[in-house]
């Protein structure tokens, strides 16, 4: 699944939005970024390039996505994690993003507590 996602969805669906979102995120000068549902790292790699001084933590529920993403964007800290049960303290990040996964999240309040 992760290979098909990377080959077919990233170039057409995710990359154009990822480039734009990373540029906007970098303009906020974040120190710690939490990316939820990072998939194969399309946005993660752009965040690392546009906000090089920020610590980027990328998560995904799917372990295969984490494996591909960590190889694609090794400058980030990668964790397999459920966005509704995050293993981080509340307020531990100054910028968070949930890119293209809102349909899979039942409680946004639980998700946004970490930032």
Foldseek 3Di string as FASTA:
>chain_A
DLVCCVPPVCVPPNQVVLLVVLQVVLVVQWAEEEEEQCFLPSNVQNVCVSNVNHAYEYERQDPVRQVNNCVVRVSHHYDHDDLLDDPAAFCQTPYYDYPPCVVPDDDVVSNNRND
